[in-house]
Amino acid sequence: MIHVATQKDLPIVLYLAQSTFREKWTPIDGEELVEHYILDNMQISHFEQDFSNPDILFLLIFDDAIPMGYAKIIKNCIPENYAHLGKLFLKIDKLYFLEQTHRKGLGSKTMEYIIQIAQKELFDTLWLGVWGQNTQAITFYQKLGFTQAGKWFFKMGDKIFDDEWLMSKTIS
């Protein structure tokens, strides 16, 4: 089940954001860098600010009534230097699941849900950034019709990752 998160869901979103980020990135980038990023970017005040923005939407993904993942989408967020890709953009800013849920189809169901939102609200382009070495995620997005549209940058602490892909999908 997928539902649009409300302010009352903030503790669940915060827990999932921090937990899934740690699970994914600590083995790759180390605990110190990951914890620094979480401290700077994933505190309750950050999420309160996001929840108050009408262009930001959080989705909670459940498996047997247990929260297993979340997505953050941003309406009208145009990727810098890529305005030529479309006119009305919807950014998939975050899409994370607890490791125990991988390969259960929750990612596909969530993406279908996001695509339905994009179609309903008449967005013409979905886009996201993905680590260029994350072949599993890239393959997943390609199966959904996303293509590499350029490079993307991600900052974690003082480190800038320049091996990110910007991927996009035209919505019809």
C-alpha atoms as a PDB file:
ATOM      1  CA  MET A   1       0.000   0.000   0.000  1.00  0.00           C
ATOM      2  CA  ILE A   2       1.152   3.530  -0.783  1.00  0.00           C
ATOM      3  CA  HIS A   3      -0.205   6.643   0.823  1.00  0.00           C
ATOM      4  CA  VAL A   4       0.563  10.331   0.721  1.00  0.00           C
ATOM      5  CA  ALA A   5       2.232  11.250   3.997  1.00  0.00           C
ATOM      6  CA  THR A   6       0.845  14.024   6.155  1.00  0.00           C
ATOM      7  CA  GLN A   7       2.422  16.002   8.970  1.00  0.00           C
ATOM      8  CA  LYS A   8       1.360  13.303  11.452  1.00  0.00           C
ATOM      9  CA  ASP A   9       3.489  10.806   9.496  1.00  0.00           C
ATOM     10  CA  LEU A  10       6.623  12.912   9.954  1.00  0.00           C
ATOM     11  CA  PRO A  11       8.241  10.586  12.560  1.00  0.00           C
ATOM     12  CA  ILE A  12       7.832   7.600  10.209  1.00  0.00           C
ATOM     13  CA  VAL A  13       9.241   9.526   7.234  1.00  0.00           C
ATOM     14  CA  LEU A  14      12.176  10.732   9.345  1.00  0.00           C
ATOM     15  CA  TYR A  15      12.902   7.199  10.590  1.00  0.00           C
ATOM     16  CA  LEU A  16      12.771   5.730   7.070  1.00  0.00           C
ATOM     17  CA  ALA A  17      14.867   8.535   5.582  1.00  0.00           C
ATOM     18  CA  GLN A  18      17.661   8.139   8.122  1.00  0.00           C
ATOM     19  CA  SER A  19      17.543   4.328   8.273  1.00  0.00           C
ATOM     20  CA  THR A  20      17.486   3.707   4.535  1.00  0.00           C
ATOM     21  CA  PHE A  21      20.202   6.292   3.894  1.00  0.00           C
ATOM     22  CA  ARG A  22      22.446   4.621   6.467  1.00  0.00           C
ATOM     23  CA  GLU A  23      21.774   1.150   5.052  1.00  0.00           C
ATOM     24  CA  LYS A  24      22.550   2.219   1.495  1.00  0.00           C
ATOM     25  CA  TRP A  25      25.496   4.568   1.879  1.00  0.00           C
ATOM     26  CA  THR A  26      27.447   3.632   5.048  1.00  0.00           C
ATOM     27  CA  PRO A  27      29.075   0.558   3.421  1.00  0.00           C
ATOM     28  CA  ILE A  28      30.067   2.698   0.421  1.00  0.00           C
ATOM     29  CA  ASP A  29      30.988   6.078   1.898  1.00  0.00           C
ATOM     30  CA  GLY A  30      31.708   5.330   5.543  1.00  0.00           C
ATOM     31  CA  GLU A  31      29.886   6.079   8.759  1.00  0.00           C
ATOM     32  CA  GLU A  32      31.452   9.489   9.397  1.00  0.00           C
ATOM     33  CA  LEU A  33      30.452  10.997   6.051  1.00  0.00           C
ATOM     34  CA  VAL A  34      26.951   9.486   6.170  1.00  0.00           C
ATOM     35  CA  GLU A  35      26.272  10.645   9.734  1.00  0.00           C
ATOM     36  CA  HIS A  36      27.512  14.127   8.843  1.00  0.00           C
ATOM     37  CA  TYR A  37      25.079  14.205   5.911  1.00  0.00           C
ATOM     38  CA  ILE A  38      22.187  13.011   8.092  1.00  0.00           C
ATOM     39  CA  LEU A  39      22.994  15.626  10.737  1.00  0.00           C
ATOM     40  CA  ASP A  40      23.086  18.388   8.105  1.00  0.00           C
ATOM     41  CA  ASN A  41      20.146  17.283   5.951  1.00  0.00           C
ATOM     42  CA  MET A  42      17.841  14.812   7.670  1.00  0.00           C
ATOM     43  CA  GLN A  43      16.674  16.362  10.897  1.00  0.00           C
ATOM     44  CA  ILE A  44      13.062  16.936  11.875  1.00  0.00           C
ATOM     45  CA  SER A  45      13.318  20.660  11.065  1.00  0.00           C
ATOM     46  CA  HIS A  46      14.251  19.860   7.447  1.00  0.00           C
ATOM     47  CA  PHE A  47      11.229  17.609   7.068  1.00  0.00           C
ATOM     48  CA  GLU A  48       8.891  20.106   8.771  1.00  0.00           C
ATOM     49  CA  GLN A  49       9.990  22.674   6.209  1.00  0.00           C
ATOM     50  CA  ASP A  50       9.416  20.203   3.357  1.00  0.00           C
ATOM     51  CA  PHE A  51       5.970  19.235   4.653  1.00  0.00           C
ATOM     52  CA  SER A  52       4.969  22.916   4.666  1.00  0.00           C
ATOM     53  CA  ASN A  53       5.913  23.289   0.976  1.00  0.00           C
ATOM     54  CA  PRO A  54       2.913  22.540  -1.284  1.00  0.00           C
ATOM     55  CA  ASP A  55       5.255  21.480  -4.122  1.00  0.00           C
ATOM     56  CA  ILE A  56       6.801  18.667  -2.049  1.00  0.00           C
ATOM     57  CA  LEU A  57       5.020  15.381  -1.549  1.00  0.00           C
ATOM     58  CA  PHE A  58       6.121  12.421   0.555  1.00  0.00           C
ATOM     59  CA  LEU A  59       4.833   8.928  -0.094  1.00  0.00           C
ATOM     60  CA  LEU A  60       4.958   6.136   2.457  1.00  0.00           C
ATOM     61  CA  ILE A  61       5.186   2.590   1.154  1.00  0.00           C
ATOM     62  CA  PHE A  62       3.869  -0.230   3.326  1.00  0.00           C
ATOM     63  CA  ASP A  63       4.196  -4.000   3.176  1.00  0.00           C
ATOM     64  CA  ASP A  64       1.654  -5.801   5.374  1.00  0.00           C
ATOM     65  CA  ALA A  65       0.883  -2.508   7.163  1.00  0.00           C
ATOM     66  CA  ILE A  66       4.572  -2.025   8.061  1.00  0.00           C
ATOM     67  CA  PRO A  67       6.332   1.083   6.659  1.00  0.00           C
ATOM     68  CA  MET A  68       9.136  -0.154   4.402  1.00  0.00           C
ATOM     69  CA  GLY A  69      10.065   2.806   2.238  1.00  0.00           C
ATOM     70  CA  TYR A  70       9.393   6.341   1.220  1.00  0.00           C
ATOM     71  CA  ALA A  71       9.549   8.633  -1.753  1.00  0.00           C
ATOM     72  CA  LYS A  72       9.905  12.385  -1.960  1.00  0.00           C
ATOM     73  CA  ILE A  73       8.730  14.115  -5.109  1.00  0.00           C
ATOM     74  CA  ILE A  74       9.044  17.790  -5.955  1.00  0.00           C
ATOM     75  CA  LYS A  75       6.679  19.508  -8.347  1.00  0.00           C
ATOM     76  CA  ASN A  76       7.934  22.119 -10.812  1.00  0.00           C
ATOM     77  CA  CYS A  77      11.588  21.397 -10.031  1.00  0.00           C
ATOM     78  CA  ILE A  78      13.592  22.073 -13.187  1.00  0.00           C
ATOM     79  CA  PRO A  79      17.046  20.479 -13.365  1.00  0.00           C
ATOM     80  CA  GLU A  80      19.681  23.156 -13.843  1.00  0.00           C
ATOM     81  CA  ASN A  81      20.899  23.280 -17.465  1.00  0.00           C
ATOM     82  CA  TYR A  82      18.281  20.730 -18.570  1.00  0.00           C
ATOM     83  CA  ALA A  83      15.177  22.858 -19.122  1.00  0.00           C
ATOM     84  CA  HIS A  84      15.171  21.634 -22.737  1.00  0.00           C
ATOM     85  CA  LEU A  85      13.971  18.205 -21.540  1.00  0.00           C
ATOM     86  CA  GLY A  86      10.418  19.400 -20.944  1.00  0.00           C
ATOM     87  CA  LYS A  87       8.137  22.121 -19.689  1.00  0.00           C
ATOM     88  CA  LEU A  88       6.495  20.748 -16.563  1.00  0.00           C
ATOM     89  CA  PHE A  89       8.890  18.781 -14.386  1.00  0.00           C
ATOM     90  CA  LEU A  90       8.323  16.393 -11.507  1.00  0.00           C
ATOM     91  CA  LYS A  91      11.478  15.397  -9.657  1.00  0.00           C
ATOM     92  CA  ILE A  92      11.787  12.083  -7.869  1.00  0.00           C
ATOM     93  CA  ASP A  93      14.090  13.405  -5.178  1.00  0.00           C
ATOM     94  CA  LYS A  94      14.187  10.316  -2.946  1.00  0.00           C
ATOM     95  CA  LEU A  95      13.123   6.714  -3.395  1.00  0.00           C
ATOM     96  CA  TYR A  96      14.444   4.458  -0.654  1.00  0.00           C
ATOM     97  CA  PHE A  97      13.385   1.140   0.840  1.00  0.00           C
ATOM     98  CA  LEU A  98      14.642  -0.868   3.782  1.00  0.00           C
ATOM     99  CA  GLU A  99      16.987  -3.576   2.483  1.00  0.00           C
ATOM    100  CA  GLN A 100      14.704  -6.390   3.623  1.00  0.00           C
ATOM    101  CA  THR A 101      12.095  -5.294   1.060  1.00  0.00           C
ATOM    102  CA  HIS A 102      14.280  -5.371  -2.040  1.00  0.00           C
ATOM    103  CA  ARG A 103      12.932  -7.530  -4.860  1.00  0.00           C
ATOM    104  CA  LYS A 104       9.358  -7.472  -3.526  1.00  0.00           C
ATOM    105  CA  GLY A 105       8.028  -5.199  -6.280  1.00  0.00           C
ATOM    106  CA  LEU A 106       7.523  -2.190  -4.016  1.00  0.00           C
ATOM    107  CA  GLY A 107       9.778   0.010  -6.153  1.00  0.00           C
ATOM    108  CA  SER A 108       7.822  -0.769  -9.317  1.00  0.00           C
ATOM    109  CA  LYS A 109       4.494  -0.137  -7.588  1.00  0.00           C
ATOM    110  CA  THR A 110       5.781   3.154  -6.212  1.00  0.00           C
ATOM    111  CA  MET A 111       7.036   4.277  -9.607  1.00  0.00           C
ATOM    112  CA  GLU A 112       3.672   3.400 -11.177  1.00  0.00           C
ATOM    113  CA  TYR A 113       2.009   5.513  -8.480  1.00  0.00           C
ATOM    114  CA  ILE A 114       4.362   8.446  -9.163  1.00  0.00           C
ATOM    115  CA  ILE A 115       3.777   8.181 -12.919  1.00  0.00           C
ATOM    116  CA  GLN A 116       0.019   8.295 -12.270  1.00  0.00           C
ATOM    117  CA  ILE A 117       0.499  11.477 -10.222  1.00  0.00           C
ATOM    118  CA  ALA A 118       2.552  12.983 -13.057  1.00  0.00           C
ATOM    119  CA  GLN A 119      -0.122  12.111 -15.623  1.00  0.00           C
ATOM    120  CA  LYS A 120      -3.006  13.334 -13.460  1.00  0.00           C
ATOM    121  CA  GLU A 121      -1.293  16.657 -12.758  1.00  0.00           C
ATOM    122  CA  LEU A 122      -0.162  17.020 -16.402  1.00  0.00           C
ATOM    123  CA  PHE A 123       3.591  16.967 -15.858  1.00  0.00           C
ATOM    124  CA  ASP A 124       5.460  16.135 -19.045  1.00  0.00           C
ATOM    125  CA  THR A 125       8.825  15.071 -17.628  1.00  0.00           C
ATOM    126  CA  LEU A 126       9.919  12.980 -14.655  1.00  0.00           C
ATOM    127  CA  TRP A 127      13.544  13.216 -13.622  1.00  0.00           C
ATOM    128  CA  LEU A 128      15.900  11.976 -10.945  1.00  0.00           C
ATOM    129  CA  GLY A 129      19.557  11.697 -10.050  1.00  0.00           C
ATOM    130  CA  VAL A 130      21.167   8.291  -9.565  1.00  0.00           C
ATOM    131  CA  TRP A 131      24.696   7.209  -8.705  1.00  0.00           C
ATOM    132  CA  GLY A 132      26.375   6.211 -11.964  1.00  0.00           C
ATOM    133  CA  GLN A 133      27.790   3.027 -10.418  1.00  0.00           C
ATOM    134  CA  ASN A 134      24.428   1.829  -9.115  1.00  0.00           C
ATOM    135  CA  THR A 135      23.733  -0.468 -12.049  1.00  0.00           C
ATOM    136  CA  GLN A 136      20.810  -2.131 -10.272  1.00  0.00           C
ATOM    137  CA  ALA A 137      18.977   1.195  -9.897  1.00  0.00           C
ATOM    138  CA  ILE A 138      19.913   2.349 -13.407  1.00  0.00           C
ATOM    139  CA  THR A 139      18.573  -0.886 -14.912  1.00  0.00           C
ATOM    140  CA  PHE A 140      15.392  -0.514 -12.850  1.00  0.00           C
ATOM    141  CA  TYR A 141      14.815   3.024 -14.131  1.00  0.00           C
ATOM    142  CA  GLN A 142      15.659   2.062 -17.719  1.00  0.00           C
ATOM    143  CA  LYS A 143      13.012  -0.690 -17.618  1.00  0.00           C
ATOM    144  CA  LEU A 144      10.526   2.028 -16.695  1.00  0.00           C
ATOM    145  CA  GLY A 145      11.500   4.131 -19.713  1.00  0.00           C
ATOM    146  CA  PHE A 146      14.033   6.486 -18.141  1.00  0.00           C
ATOM    147  CA  THR A 147      17.104   7.416 -20.166  1.00  0.00           C
ATOM    148  CA  GLN A 148      20.333   9.127 -19.199  1.00  0.00           C
ATOM    149  CA  ALA A 149      19.911  12.805 -19.999  1.00  0.00           C
ATOM    150  CA  GLY A 150      23.165  14.095 -18.545  1.00  0.00           C
ATOM    151  CA  LYS A 151      25.303  14.378 -15.438  1.00  0.00           C
ATOM    152  CA  TRP A 152      24.189  15.240 -11.955  1.00  0.00           C
ATOM    153  CA  PHE A 153      26.092  16.229  -8.824  1.00  0.00           C
ATOM    154  CA  PHE A 154      25.469  15.226  -5.234  1.00  0.00           C
ATOM    155  CA  LYS A 155      27.101  16.808  -2.199  1.00  0.00           C
ATOM    156  CA  MET A 156      27.630  14.876   1.014  1.00  0.00           C
ATOM    157  CA  GLY A 157      29.511  16.887   3.605  1.00  0.00           C
ATOM    158  CA  ASP A 158      32.487  18.480   1.870  1.00  0.00           C
ATOM    159  CA  LYS A 159      32.593  15.775  -0.793  1.00  0.00           C
ATOM    160  CA  ILE A 160      31.034  16.409  -4.202  1.00  0.00           C
ATOM    161  CA  PHE A 161      30.101  13.313  -6.171  1.00  0.00           C
ATOM    162  CA  ASP A 162      30.288  14.050  -9.886  1.00  0.00           C
ATOM    163  CA  ASP A 163      29.546  10.518 -11.087  1.00  0.00           C
ATOM    164  CA  GLU A 164      25.785  10.889 -10.793  1.00  0.00           C
ATOM    165  CA  TRP A 165      23.451  10.446 -13.739  1.00  0.00           C
ATOM    166  CA  LEU A 166      20.487  12.652 -14.454  1.00  0.00           C
ATOM    167  CA  MET A 167      17.791  10.379 -15.869  1.00  0.00           C
ATOM    168  CA  SER A 168      14.499  11.513 -17.353  1.00  0.00           C
ATOM    169  CA  LYS A 169      11.284  10.088 -18.729  1.00  0.00           C
ATOM    170  CA  THR A 170       8.731  11.791 -20.924  1.00  0.00           C
ATOM    171  CA  ILE A 171       5.183  11.395 -19.648  1.00  0.00           C
ATOM    172  CA  SER A 172       2.481  10.930 -22.249  1.00  0.00           C
END
